[in-house]
Amino acid sequence: MKLKLIVALVSNDKTDTVVDAARAGGATGATIITSVRGEGLKPQKTFLGLDLAAQRDVVLFLVVETRARDILERIRDAGRFEQEPGAGIAFQIPIEDAVGLTTQLPTILEEVDDEI
């Protein structure tokens, strides 16, 4: 079974919306790394040394390759990545192998069988 890792970098107020959209597309779980810092094309201004930029989260989804593009597009739409500058980005990376999917494997296999 081929897998993809979808990485979404989102503002923390959109994290739950993005996770819900990915789950609706077939993602069986997510790992959320909170309170990360990033900088876009134009650095955010500071006030007396305090960062004015909103908190960001990194959300990781390990998904079946056949579902990856649809989930990626759902994340884009839910996070409004194309409509709101700085809302976030998401991308996918091919995964060669993975272990530890025992509890998720039956659901993943069922979804793959439904598509065939």
PDB file of N, CA and C in Angstrom:
ATOM      1  N   MET A   1       0.844  -1.169   0.000  1.00  0.00           N
ATOM      2  CA  MET A   1       0.000   0.000   0.000  1.00  0.00           C
ATOM      3  C   MET A   1       0.893   1.237   0.000  1.00  0.00           C
ATOM      4  N   LYS A   2       0.602   2.153  -0.906  1.00  0.00           N
ATOM      5  CA  LYS A   2       1.382   3.380  -1.007  1.00  0.00           C
ATOM      6  C   LYS A   2       0.743   4.463  -0.138  1.00  0.00           C
ATOM      7  N   LEU A   3       1.616   5.190   0.568  1.00  0.00           N
ATOM      8  CA  LEU A   3       1.163   6.225   1.483  1.00  0.00           C
ATOM      9  C   LEU A   3       1.767   7.575   1.122  1.00  0.00           C
ATOM     10  N   LYS A   4       1.105   8.629   1.578  1.00  0.00           N
ATOM     11  CA  LYS A   4       1.617   9.994   1.444  1.00  0.00           C
ATOM     12  C   LYS A   4       1.541  10.657   2.804  1.00  0.00           C
ATOM     13  N   LEU A   5       2.475  11.533   3.073  1.00  0.00           N
ATOM     14  CA  LEU A   5       2.428  12.375   4.255  1.00  0.00           C
ATOM     15  C   LEU A   5       1.997  13.753   3.798  1.00  0.00           C
ATOM     16  N   ILE A   6       0.867  14.205   4.321  1.00  0.00           N
ATOM     17  CA  ILE A   6       0.414  15.567   4.039  1.00  0.00           C
ATOM     18  C   ILE A   6       0.820  16.428   5.222  1.00  0.00           C
ATOM     19  N   VAL A   7       1.519  17.509   4.932  1.00  0.00           N
ATOM     20  CA  VAL A   7       1.963  18.458   5.939  1.00  0.00           C
ATOM     21  C   VAL A   7       1.201  19.753   5.709  1.00  0.00           C
ATOM     22  N   ALA A   8       0.486  20.207   6.726  1.00  0.00           N
ATOM     23  CA  ALA A   8      -0.251  21.467   6.631  1.00  0.00           C
ATOM     24  C   ALA A   8       0.299  22.425   7.683  1.00  0.00           C
ATOM     25  N   LEU A   9       0.659  23.608   7.252  1.00  0.00           N
ATOM     26  CA  LEU A   9       1.127  24.668   8.142  1.00  0.00           C
ATOM     27  C   LEU A   9       0.002  25.693   8.202  1.00  0.00           C
ATOM     28  N   VAL A  10      -0.669  25.778   9.340  1.00  0.00           N
ATOM     29  CA  VAL A  10      -1.888  26.590   9.425  1.00  0.00           C
ATOM     30  C   VAL A  10      -1.870  27.474  10.661  1.00  0.00           C
ATOM     31  N   SER A  11      -2.628  28.570  10.602  1.00  0.00           N
ATOM     32  CA  SER A  11      -2.801  29.385  11.792  1.00  0.00           C
ATOM     33  C   SER A  11      -3.628  28.580  12.787  1.00  0.00           C
ATOM     34  N   ASN A  12      -3.336  28.744  14.062  1.00  0.00           N
ATOM     35  CA  ASN A  12      -3.941  27.853  15.052  1.00  0.00           C
ATOM     36  C   ASN A  12      -5.459  27.983  15.137  1.00  0.00           C
ATOM     37  N   ASP A  13      -6.031  29.070  14.669  1.00  0.00           N
ATOM     38  CA  ASP A  13      -7.491  29.193  14.684  1.00  0.00           C
ATOM     39  C   ASP A  13      -8.153  28.375  13.581  1.00  0.00           C
ATOM     40  N   LYS A  14      -7.367  27.849  12.637  1.00  0.00           N
ATOM     41  CA  LYS A  14      -7.907  27.038  11.547  1.00  0.00           C
ATOM     42  C   LYS A  14      -7.577  25.549  11.691  1.00  0.00           C
ATOM     43  N   THR A  15      -6.823  25.187  12.709  1.00  0.00           N
ATOM     44  CA  THR A  15      -6.368  23.809  12.861  1.00  0.00           C
ATOM     45  C   THR A  15      -7.527  22.823  12.924  1.00  0.00           C
ATOM     46  N   ASP A  16      -8.498  23.066  13.778  1.00  0.00           N
ATOM     47  CA  ASP A  16      -9.618  22.133  13.913  1.00  0.00           C
ATOM     48  C   ASP A  16     -10.412  22.007  12.618  1.00  0.00           C
ATOM     49  N   THR A  17     -10.590  23.111  11.914  1.00  0.00           N
ATOM     50  CA  THR A  17     -11.316  23.104  10.643  1.00  0.00           C
ATOM     51  C   THR A  17     -10.584  22.257   9.610  1.00  0.00           C
ATOM     52  N   VAL A  18      -9.269  22.403   9.561  1.00  0.00           N
ATOM     53  CA  VAL A  18      -8.441  21.642   8.618  1.00  0.00           C
ATOM     54  C   VAL A  18      -8.463  20.149   8.958  1.00  0.00           C
ATOM     55  N   VAL A  19      -8.362  19.817  10.231  1.00  0.00           N
ATOM     56  CA  VAL A  19      -8.394  18.410  10.645  1.00  0.00           C
ATOM     57  C   VAL A  19      -9.752  17.789  10.300  1.00  0.00           C
ATOM     58  N   ASP A  20     -10.830  18.516  10.569  1.00  0.00           N
ATOM     59  CA  ASP A  20     -12.169  18.010  10.243  1.00  0.00           C
ATOM     60  C   ASP A  20     -12.329  17.774   8.746  1.00  0.00           C
ATOM     61  N   ALA A  21     -11.806  18.684   7.931  1.00  0.00           N
ATOM     62  CA  ALA A  21     -11.893  18.539   6.473  1.00  0.00           C
ATOM     63  C   ALA A  21     -11.092  17.327   5.998  1.00  0.00           C
ATOM     64  N   ALA A  22      -9.915  17.119   6.568  1.00  0.00           N
ATOM     65  CA  ALA A  22      -9.085  15.966   6.186  1.00  0.00           C
ATOM     66  C   ALA A  22      -9.763  14.660   6.586  1.00  0.00           C
ATOM     67  N   ARG A  23     -10.361  14.625   7.759  1.00  0.00           N
ATOM     68  CA  ARG A  23     -11.072  13.423   8.201  1.00  0.00           C
ATOM     69  C   ARG A  23     -12.267  13.136   7.289  1.00  0.00           C
ATOM     70  N   ALA A  24     -12.957  14.175   6.859  1.00  0.00           N
ATOM     71  CA  ALA A  24     -14.083  13.995   5.942  1.00  0.00           C
ATOM     72  C   ALA A  24     -13.616  13.418   4.608  1.00  0.00           C
ATOM     73  N   GLY A  25     -12.360  13.665   4.252  1.00  0.00           N
ATOM     74  CA  GLY A  25     -11.798  13.144   3.016  1.00  0.00           C
ATOM     75  C   GLY A  25     -11.183  11.763   3.143  1.00  0.00           C
ATOM     76  N   GLY A  26     -11.114  11.235   4.371  1.00  0.00           N
ATOM     77  CA  GLY A  26     -10.583   9.887   4.543  1.00  0.00           C
ATOM     78  C   GLY A  26      -9.350   9.774   5.408  1.00  0.00           C
ATOM     79  N   ALA A  27      -8.842  10.884   5.932  1.00  0.00           N
ATOM     80  CA  ALA A  27      -7.700  10.792   6.844  1.00  0.00           C
ATOM     81  C   ALA A  27      -8.153  10.093   8.120  1.00  0.00           C
ATOM     82  N   THR A  28      -7.353   9.152   8.592  1.00  0.00           N
ATOM     83  CA  THR A  28      -7.739   8.362   9.760  1.00  0.00           C
ATOM     84  C   THR A  28      -7.122   8.884  11.053  1.00  0.00           C
ATOM     85  N   GLY A  29      -6.339   9.933  10.978  1.00  0.00           N
ATOM     86  CA  GLY A  29      -5.729  10.502  12.166  1.00  0.00           C
ATOM     87  C   GLY A  29      -4.895  11.709  11.807  1.00  0.00           C
ATOM     88  N   ALA A  30      -4.397  12.390  12.821  1.00  0.00           N
ATOM     89  CA  ALA A  30      -3.565  13.569  12.605  1.00  0.00           C
ATOM     90  C   ALA A  30      -2.608  13.730  13.776  1.00  0.00           C
ATOM     91  N   THR A  31      -1.462  14.295  13.497  1.00  0.00           N
ATOM     92  CA  THR A  31      -0.522  14.691  14.536  1.00  0.00           C
ATOM     93  C   THR A  31      -0.396  16.197  14.448  1.00  0.00           C
ATOM     94  N   ILE A  32      -0.588  16.877  15.572  1.00  0.00           N
ATOM     95  CA  ILE A  32      -0.571  18.339  15.583  1.00  0.00           C
ATOM     96  C   ILE A  32       0.594  18.812  16.446  1.00  0.00           C
ATOM     97  N   ILE A  33       1.443  19.614  15.853  1.00  0.00           N
ATOM     98  CA  ILE A  33       2.561  20.229  16.560  1.00  0.00           C
ATOM     99  C   ILE A  33       2.183  21.699  16.726  1.00  0.00           C
ATOM    100  N   THR A  34       2.000  22.128  17.957  1.00  0.00           N
ATOM    101  CA  THR A  34       1.461  23.464  18.207  1.00  0.00           C
ATOM    102  C   THR A  34       2.546  24.515  18.407  1.00  0.00           C
ATOM    103  N   SER A  35       2.108  25.740  18.222  1.00  0.00           N
ATOM    104  CA  SER A  35       2.906  26.930  18.539  1.00  0.00           C
ATOM    105  C   SER A  35       4.259  26.977  17.837  1.00  0.00           C
ATOM    106  N   VAL A  36       4.246  26.793  16.534  1.00  0.00           N
ATOM    107  CA  VAL A  36       5.475  26.933  15.760  1.00  0.00           C
ATOM    108  C   VAL A  36       5.536  28.353  15.210  1.00  0.00           C
ATOM    109  N   ARG A  37       6.682  28.735  14.752  1.00  0.00           N
ATOM    110  CA  ARG A  37       6.855  30.074  14.223  1.00  0.00           C
ATOM    111  C   ARG A  37       7.339  29.975  12.793  1.00  0.00           C
ATOM    112  N   GLY A  38       6.803  30.815  11.937  1.00  0.00           N
ATOM    113  CA  GLY A  38       7.231  30.842  10.549  1.00  0.00           C
ATOM    114  C   GLY A  38       7.277  32.257  10.042  1.00  0.00           C
ATOM    115  N   GLU A  39       7.867  32.404   8.879  1.00  0.00           N
ATOM    116  CA  GLU A  39       7.968  33.730   8.297  1.00  0.00           C
ATOM    117  C   GLU A  39       7.735  33.616   6.808  1.00  0.00           C
ATOM    118  N   GLY A  40       6.844  34.424   6.285  1.00  0.00           N
ATOM    119  CA  GLY A  40       6.515  34.413   4.868  1.00  0.00           C
ATOM    120  C   GLY A  40       7.384  35.367   4.077  1.00  0.00           C
ATOM    121  N   LEU A  41       6.860  35.774   2.936  1.00  0.00           N
ATOM    122  CA  LEU A  41       7.575  36.672   2.034  1.00  0.00           C
ATOM    123  C   LEU A  41       7.931  37.983   2.712  1.00  0.00           C
ATOM    124  N   LYS A  42       6.974  38.526   3.454  1.00  0.00           N
ATOM    125  CA  LYS A  42       7.196  39.776   4.177  1.00  0.00           C
ATOM    126  C   LYS A  42       7.181  39.492   5.675  1.00  0.00           C
ATOM    127  N   PRO A  43       8.311  39.690   6.360  1.00  0.00           N
ATOM    128  CA  PRO A  43       8.355  39.422   7.803  1.00  0.00           C
ATOM    129  C   PRO A  43       7.324  40.267   8.557  1.00  0.00           C
ATOM    130  N   GLN A  44       6.746  39.679   9.608  1.00  0.00           N
ATOM    131  CA  GLN A  44       5.785  40.385  10.442  1.00  0.00           C
ATOM    132  C   GLN A  44       6.506  41.444  11.269  1.00  0.00           C
ATOM    133  N   LYS A  45       5.827  42.532  11.526  1.00  0.00           N
ATOM    134  CA  LYS A  45       6.400  43.595  12.341  1.00  0.00           C
ATOM    135  C   LYS A  45       6.285  43.222  13.821  1.00  0.00           C
ATOM    136  N   THR A  46       7.159  43.789  14.599  1.00  0.00           N
ATOM    137  CA  THR A  46       7.110  43.570  16.038  1.00  0.00           C
ATOM    138  C   THR A  46       6.850  44.896  16.741  1.00  0.00           C
ATOM    139  N   PHE A  47       6.350  44.804  17.953  1.00  0.00           N
ATOM    140  CA  PHE A  47       6.098  45.984  18.761  1.00  0.00           C
ATOM    141  C   PHE A  47       6.858  45.812  20.069  1.00  0.00           C
ATOM    142  N   LEU A  48       7.863  46.635  20.277  1.00  0.00           N
ATOM    143  CA  LEU A  48       8.707  46.554  21.472  1.00  0.00           C
ATOM    144  C   LEU A  48       9.289  45.156  21.682  1.00  0.00           C
ATOM    145  N   GLY A  49       9.666  44.535  20.569  1.00  0.00           N
ATOM    146  CA  GLY A  49      10.277  43.217  20.629  1.00  0.00           C
ATOM    147  C   GLY A  49       9.302  42.060  20.722  1.00  0.00           C
ATOM    148  N   LEU A  50       7.992  42.330  20.775  1.00  0.00           N
ATOM    149  CA  LEU A  50       6.980  41.278  20.834  1.00  0.00           C
ATOM    150  C   LEU A  50       6.542  40.921  19.423  1.00  0.00           C
ATOM    151  N   ASP A  51       6.462  39.656  19.143  1.00  0.00           N
ATOM    152  CA  ASP A  51       6.042  39.183  17.828  1.00  0.00           C
ATOM    153  C   ASP A  51       4.536  39.336  17.693  1.00  0.00           C
ATOM    154  N   LEU A  52       4.089  40.005  16.648  1.00  0.00           N
ATOM    155  CA  LEU A  52       2.666  40.224  16.423  1.00  0.00           C
ATOM    156  C   LEU A  52       2.038  39.136  15.560  1.00  0.00           C
ATOM    157  N   ALA A  53       2.832  38.216  15.078  1.00  0.00           N
ATOM    158  CA  ALA A  53       2.318  37.157  14.204  1.00  0.00           C
ATOM    159  C   ALA A  53       1.467  36.174  15.009  1.00  0.00           C
ATOM    160  N   ALA A  54       0.426  35.656  14.367  1.00  0.00           N
ATOM    161  CA  ALA A  54      -0.445  34.671  15.012  1.00  0.00           C
ATOM    162  C   ALA A  54       0.297  33.350  15.170  1.00  0.00           C
ATOM    163  N   GLN A  55      -0.103  32.572  16.165  1.00  0.00           N
ATOM    164  CA  GLN A  55       0.493  31.255  16.367  1.00  0.00           C
ATOM    165  C   GLN A  55       0.136  30.337  15.203  1.00  0.00           C
ATOM    166  N   ARG A  56       1.023  29.441  14.875  1.00  0.00           N
ATOM    167  CA  ARG A  56       0.813  28.483  13.804  1.00  0.00           C
ATOM    168  C   ARG A  56       0.939  27.079  14.353  1.00  0.00           C
ATOM    169  N   ASP A  57       0.323  26.147  13.639  1.00  0.00           N
ATOM    170  CA  ASP A  57       0.437  24.731  13.966  1.00  0.00           C
ATOM    171  C   ASP A  57       0.913  23.978  12.732  1.00  0.00           C
ATOM    172  N   VAL A  58       1.623  22.880  12.965  1.00  0.00           N
ATOM    173  CA  VAL A  58       1.970  21.947  11.901  1.00  0.00           C
ATOM    174  C   VAL A  58       1.070  20.734  12.113  1.00  0.00           C
ATOM    175  N   VAL A  59       0.320  20.369  11.075  1.00  0.00           N
ATOM    176  CA  VAL A  59      -0.581  19.229  11.162  1.00  0.00           C
ATOM    177  C   VAL A  59      -0.105  18.184  10.155  1.00  0.00           C
ATOM    178  N   LEU A  60       0.118  16.963  10.639  1.00  0.00           N
ATOM    179  CA  LEU A  60       0.630  15.873   9.808  1.00  0.00           C
ATOM    180  C   LEU A  60      -0.447  14.809   9.645  1.00  0.00           C
ATOM    181  N   PHE A  61      -0.648  14.380   8.397  1.00  0.00           N
ATOM    182  CA  PHE A  61      -1.611  13.324   8.082  1.00  0.00           C
ATOM    183  C   PHE A  61      -0.894  12.259   7.267  1.00  0.00           C
ATOM    184  N   LEU A  62      -0.942  11.011   7.697  1.00  0.00           N
ATOM    185  CA  LEU A  62      -0.427   9.891   6.917  1.00  0.00           C
ATOM    186  C   LEU A  62      -1.632   9.233   6.264  1.00  0.00           C
ATOM    187  N   VAL A  63      -1.705   9.315   4.924  1.00  0.00           N
ATOM    188  CA  VAL A  63      -2.907   8.883   4.209  1.00  0.00           C
ATOM    189  C   VAL A  63      -2.556   7.956   3.049  1.00  0.00           C
ATOM    190  N   VAL A  64      -3.557   7.226   2.604  1.00  0.00           N
ATOM    191  CA  VAL A  64      -3.398   6.370   1.431  1.00  0.00           C
ATOM    192  C   VAL A  64      -3.208   7.265   0.201  1.00  0.00           C
ATOM    193  N   GLU A  65      -2.295   6.863  -0.662  1.00  0.00           N
ATOM    194  CA  GLU A  65      -1.952   7.677  -1.827  1.00  0.00           C
ATOM    195  C   GLU A  65      -3.170   8.040  -2.687  1.00  0.00           C
ATOM    196  N   THR A  66      -4.109   7.114  -2.832  1.00  0.00           N
ATOM    197  CA  THR A  66      -5.263   7.381  -3.696  1.00  0.00           C
ATOM    198  C   THR A  66      -6.178   8.472  -3.135  1.00  0.00           C
ATOM    199  N   ARG A  67      -6.095   8.738  -1.859  1.00  0.00           N
ATOM    200  CA  ARG A  67      -6.923   9.776  -1.218  1.00  0.00           C
ATOM    201  C   ARG A  67      -6.171  11.092  -1.029  1.00  0.00           C
ATOM    202  N   ALA A  68      -4.881  11.087  -1.217  1.00  0.00           N
ATOM    203  CA  ALA A  68      -4.035  12.224  -0.839  1.00  0.00           C
ATOM    204  C   ALA A  68      -4.430  13.530  -1.534  1.00  0.00           C
ATOM    205  N   ARG A  69      -4.621  13.506  -2.840  1.00  0.00           N
ATOM    206  CA  ARG A  69      -4.915  14.762  -3.551  1.00  0.00           C
ATOM    207  C   ARG A  69      -6.251  15.349  -3.103  1.00  0.00           C
ATOM    208  N   ASP A  70      -7.260  14.504  -2.924  1.00  0.00           N
ATOM    209  CA  ASP A  70      -8.566  14.983  -2.475  1.00  0.00           C
ATOM    210  C   ASP A  70      -8.463  15.595  -1.075  1.00  0.00           C
ATOM    211  N   ILE A  71      -7.735  14.938  -0.191  1.00  0.00           N
ATOM    212  CA  ILE A  71      -7.559  15.469   1.165  1.00  0.00           C
ATOM    213  C   ILE A  71      -6.805  16.788   1.123  1.00  0.00           C
ATOM    214  N   LEU A  72      -5.779  16.858   0.300  1.00  0.00           N
ATOM    215  CA  LEU A  72      -5.003  18.094   0.158  1.00  0.00           C
ATOM    216  C   LEU A  72      -5.899  19.248  -0.296  1.00  0.00           C
ATOM    217  N   GLU A  73      -6.763  18.988  -1.259  1.00  0.00           N
ATOM    218  CA  GLU A  73      -7.671  20.026  -1.750  1.00  0.00           C
ATOM    219  C   GLU A  73      -8.708  20.415  -0.702  1.00  0.00           C
ATOM    220  N   ARG A  74      -9.171  19.445   0.084  1.00  0.00           N
ATOM    221  CA  ARG A  74     -10.121  19.754   1.169  1.00  0.00           C
ATOM    222  C   ARG A  74      -9.453  20.640   2.224  1.00  0.00           C
ATOM    223  N   ILE A  75      -8.195  20.345   2.525  1.00  0.00           N
ATOM    224  CA  ILE A  75      -7.440  21.162   3.477  1.00  0.00           C
ATOM    225  C   ILE A  75      -7.303  22.587   2.944  1.00  0.00           C
ATOM    226  N   ARG A  76      -6.942  22.707   1.677  1.00  0.00           N
ATOM    227  CA  ARG A  76      -6.809  24.027   1.052  1.00  0.00           C
ATOM    228  C   ARG A  76      -8.097  24.826   1.165  1.00  0.00           C
ATOM    229  N   ASP A  77      -9.215  24.190   0.831  1.00  0.00           N
ATOM    230  CA  ASP A  77     -10.501  24.882   0.854  1.00  0.00           C
ATOM    231  C   ASP A  77     -10.922  25.254   2.274  1.00  0.00           C
ATOM    232  N   ALA A  78     -10.775  24.318   3.214  1.00  0.00           N
ATOM    233  CA  ALA A  78     -11.186  24.569   4.596  1.00  0.00           C
ATOM    234  C   ALA A  78     -10.344  25.666   5.249  1.00  0.00           C
ATOM    235  N   GLY A  79      -9.060  25.676   4.930  1.00  0.00           N
ATOM    236  CA  GLY A  79      -8.161  26.674   5.497  1.00  0.00           C
ATOM    237  C   GLY A  79      -8.152  27.989   4.754  1.00  0.00           C
ATOM    238  N   ARG A  80      -8.856  28.021   3.610  1.00  0.00           N
ATOM    239  CA  ARG A  80      -8.915  29.221   2.766  1.00  0.00           C
ATOM    240  C   ARG A  80      -7.512  29.693   2.360  1.00  0.00           C
ATOM    241  N   PHE A  81      -6.656  28.716   2.034  1.00  0.00           N
ATOM    242  CA  PHE A  81      -5.274  29.019   1.692  1.00  0.00           C
ATOM    243  C   PHE A  81      -5.142  29.890   0.446  1.00  0.00           C
ATOM    244  N   GLU A  82      -6.050  29.738  -0.499  1.00  0.00           N
ATOM    245  CA  GLU A  82      -5.971  30.508  -1.743  1.00  0.00           C
ATOM    246  C   GLU A  82      -6.639  31.879  -1.612  1.00  0.00           C
ATOM    247  N   GLN A  83      -7.503  32.048  -0.623  1.00  0.00           N
ATOM    248  CA  GLN A  83      -8.253  33.292  -0.483  1.00  0.00           C
ATOM    249  C   GLN A  83      -7.628  34.274   0.505  1.00  0.00           C
ATOM    250  N   GLU A  84      -6.968  33.785   1.525  1.00  0.00           N
ATOM    251  CA  GLU A  84      -6.448  34.639   2.591  1.00  0.00           C
ATOM    252  C   GLU A  84      -4.928  34.545   2.653  1.00  0.00           C
ATOM    253  N   PRO A  85      -4.230  35.637   2.339  1.00  0.00           N
ATOM    254  CA  PRO A  85      -2.767  35.616   2.425  1.00  0.00           C
ATOM    255  C   PRO A  85      -2.313  35.249   3.840  1.00  0.00           C
ATOM    256  N   GLY A  86      -1.351  34.351   3.935  1.00  0.00           N
ATOM    257  CA  GLY A  86      -0.822  33.940   5.219  1.00  0.00           C
ATOM    258  C   GLY A  86      -1.664  32.917   5.965  1.00  0.00           C
ATOM    259  N   ALA A  87      -2.757  32.431   5.327  1.00  0.00           N
ATOM    260  CA  ALA A  87      -3.634  31.461   5.998  1.00  0.00           C
ATOM    261  C   ALA A  87      -2.936  30.122   6.209  1.00  0.00           C
ATOM    262  N   GLY A  88      -2.038  29.758   5.322  1.00  0.00           N
ATOM    263  CA  GLY A  88      -1.312  28.505   5.470  1.00  0.00           C
ATOM    264  C   GLY A  88      -0.938  27.895   4.143  1.00  0.00           C
ATOM    265  N   ILE A  89      -0.205  26.808   4.218  1.00  0.00           N
ATOM    266  CA  ILE A  89       0.154  26.025   3.036  1.00  0.00           C
ATOM    267  C   ILE A  89       0.059  24.549   3.411  1.00  0.00           C
ATOM    268  N   ALA A  90      -0.052  23.717   2.399  1.00  0.00           N
ATOM    269  CA  ALA A  90      -0.046  22.269   2.616  1.00  0.00           C
ATOM    270  C   ALA A  90       0.646  21.619   1.429  1.00  0.00           C
ATOM    271  N   PHE A  91       1.316  20.516   1.690  1.00  0.00           N
ATOM    272  CA  PHE A  91       1.991  19.774   0.628  1.00  0.00           C
ATOM    273  C   PHE A  91       2.034  18.310   1.011  1.00  0.00           C
ATOM    274  N   GLN A  92       2.335  17.471   0.022  1.00  0.00           N
ATOM    275  CA  GLN A  92       2.401  16.034   0.277  1.00  0.00           C
ATOM    276  C   GLN A  92       3.770  15.490  -0.093  1.00  0.00           C
ATOM    277  N   ILE A  93       4.174  14.454   0.651  1.00  0.00           N
ATOM    278  CA  ILE A  93       5.474  13.813   0.473  1.00  0.00           C
ATOM    279  C   ILE A  93       5.233  12.312   0.371  1.00  0.00           C
ATOM    280  N   PRO A  94       5.830  11.639  -0.623  1.00  0.00           N
ATOM    281  CA  PRO A  94       5.670  10.183  -0.697  1.00  0.00           C
ATOM    282  C   PRO A  94       6.382   9.498   0.472  1.00  0.00           C
ATOM    283  N   ILE A  95       5.754   8.448   0.998  1.00  0.00           N
ATOM    284  CA  ILE A  95       6.312   7.672   2.103  1.00  0.00           C
ATOM    285  C   ILE A  95       6.685   6.297   1.579  1.00  0.00           C
ATOM    286  N   GLU A  96       7.915   5.914   1.793  1.00  0.00           N
ATOM    287  CA  GLU A  96       8.393   4.616   1.308  1.00  0.00           C
ATOM    288  C   GLU A  96       7.845   3.465   2.136  1.00  0.00           C
ATOM    289  N   ASP A  97       7.797   3.648   3.461  1.00  0.00           N
ATOM    290  CA  ASP A  97       7.357   2.566   4.332  1.00  0.00           C
ATOM    291  C   ASP A  97       6.913   3.170   5.653  1.00  0.00           C
ATOM    292  N   ALA A  98       6.051   2.462   6.372  1.00  0.00           N
ATOM    293  CA  ALA A  98       5.592   2.928   7.682  1.00  0.00           C
ATOM    294  C   ALA A  98       5.236   1.734   8.548  1.00  0.00           C
ATOM    295  N   VAL A  99       5.386   1.890   9.844  1.00  0.00           N
ATOM    296  CA  VAL A  99       4.980   0.879  10.817  1.00  0.00           C
ATOM    297  C   VAL A  99       4.113   1.570  11.868  1.00  0.00           C
ATOM    298  N   GLY A 100       3.390   0.766  12.638  1.00  0.00           N
ATOM    299  CA  GLY A 100       2.578   1.316  13.706  1.00  0.00           C
ATOM    300  C   GLY A 100       1.174   1.703  13.286  1.00  0.00           C
ATOM    301  N   LEU A 101       0.717   1.183  12.158  1.00  0.00           N
ATOM    302  CA  LEU A 101      -0.620   1.514  11.652  1.00  0.00           C
ATOM    303  C   LEU A 101      -1.644   0.432  11.970  1.00  0.00           C
ATOM    304  N   THR A 102      -1.345  -0.443  12.907  1.00  0.00           N
ATOM    305  CA  THR A 102      -2.191  -1.599  13.191  1.00  0.00           C
ATOM    306  C   THR A 102      -3.641  -1.214  13.464  1.00  0.00           C
ATOM    307  N   THR A 103      -3.865  -0.188  14.264  1.00  0.00           N
ATOM    308  CA  THR A 103      -5.244   0.171  14.616  1.00  0.00           C
ATOM    309  C   THR A 103      -5.964   0.865  13.469  1.00  0.00           C
ATOM    310  N   GLN A 104      -5.235   1.516  12.594  1.00  0.00           N
ATOM    311  CA  GLN A 104      -5.852   2.243  11.483  1.00  0.00           C
ATOM    312  C   GLN A 104      -5.967   1.407  10.218  1.00  0.00           C
ATOM    313  N   LEU A 105      -5.194   0.340  10.138  1.00  0.00           N
ATOM    314  CA  LEU A 105      -5.133  -0.460   8.916  1.00  0.00           C
ATOM    315  C   LEU A 105      -6.481  -1.005   8.454  1.00  0.00           C
ATOM    316  N   PRO A 106      -7.331  -1.557   9.317  1.00  0.00           N
ATOM    317  CA  PRO A 106      -8.629  -2.050   8.831  1.00  0.00           C
ATOM    318  C   PRO A 106      -9.473  -0.962   8.159  1.00  0.00           C
ATOM    319  N   THR A 107      -9.479   0.225   8.724  1.00  0.00           N
ATOM    320  CA  THR A 107     -10.239   1.333   8.133  1.00  0.00           C
ATOM    321  C   THR A 107      -9.638   1.747   6.803  1.00  0.00           C
ATOM    322  N   ILE A 108      -8.326   1.833   6.752  1.00  0.00           N
ATOM    323  CA  ILE A 108      -7.652   2.213   5.511  1.00  0.00           C
ATOM    324  C   ILE A 108      -7.939   1.180   4.416  1.00  0.00           C
ATOM    325  N   LEU A 109      -7.811  -0.093   4.735  1.00  0.00           N
ATOM    326  CA  LEU A 109      -8.050  -1.144   3.749  1.00  0.00           C
ATOM    327  C   LEU A 109      -9.508  -1.150   3.275  1.00  0.00           C
ATOM    328  N   GLU A 110     -10.438  -0.912   4.182  1.00  0.00           N
ATOM    329  CA  GLU A 110     -11.841  -0.846   3.820  1.00  0.00           C
ATOM    330  C   GLU A 110     -12.108   0.293   2.838  1.00  0.00           C
ATOM    331  N   GLU A 111     -11.488   1.452   3.080  1.00  0.00           N
ATOM    332  CA  GLU A 111     -11.661   2.588   2.184  1.00  0.00           C
ATOM    333  C   GLU A 111     -11.050   2.307   0.806  1.00  0.00           C
ATOM    334  N   VAL A 112      -9.893   1.649   0.801  1.00  0.00           N
ATOM    335  CA  VAL A 112      -9.256   1.314  -0.471  1.00  0.00           C
ATOM    336  C   VAL A 112     -10.103   0.321  -1.242  1.00  0.00           C
ATOM    337  N   ASP A 113     -10.662  -0.695  -0.552  1.00  0.00           N
ATOM    338  CA  ASP A 113     -11.536  -1.679  -1.210  1.00  0.00           C
ATOM    339  C   ASP A 113     -12.781  -1.010  -1.796  1.00  0.00           C
ATOM    340  N   ASP A 114     -13.331  -0.025  -1.115  1.00  0.00           N
ATOM    341  CA  ASP A 114     -14.510   0.678  -1.615  1.00  0.00           C
ATOM    342  C   ASP A 114     -14.224   1.414  -2.918  1.00  0.00           C
ATOM    343  N   GLU A 115     -12.979   1.875  -3.079  1.00  0.00           N
ATOM    344  CA  GLU A 115     -12.609   2.600  -4.298  1.00  0.00           C
ATOM    345  C   GLU A 115     -12.357   1.684  -5.480  1.00  0.00           C
ATOM    346  N   ILE A 116     -12.055   0.427  -5.220  1.00  0.00           N
ATOM    347  CA  ILE A 116     -11.728  -0.511  -6.303  1.00  0.00           C
ATOM    348  C   ILE A 116     -12.989  -1.076  -6.920  1.00  0.00           C
TER     349      ILE A 116
END
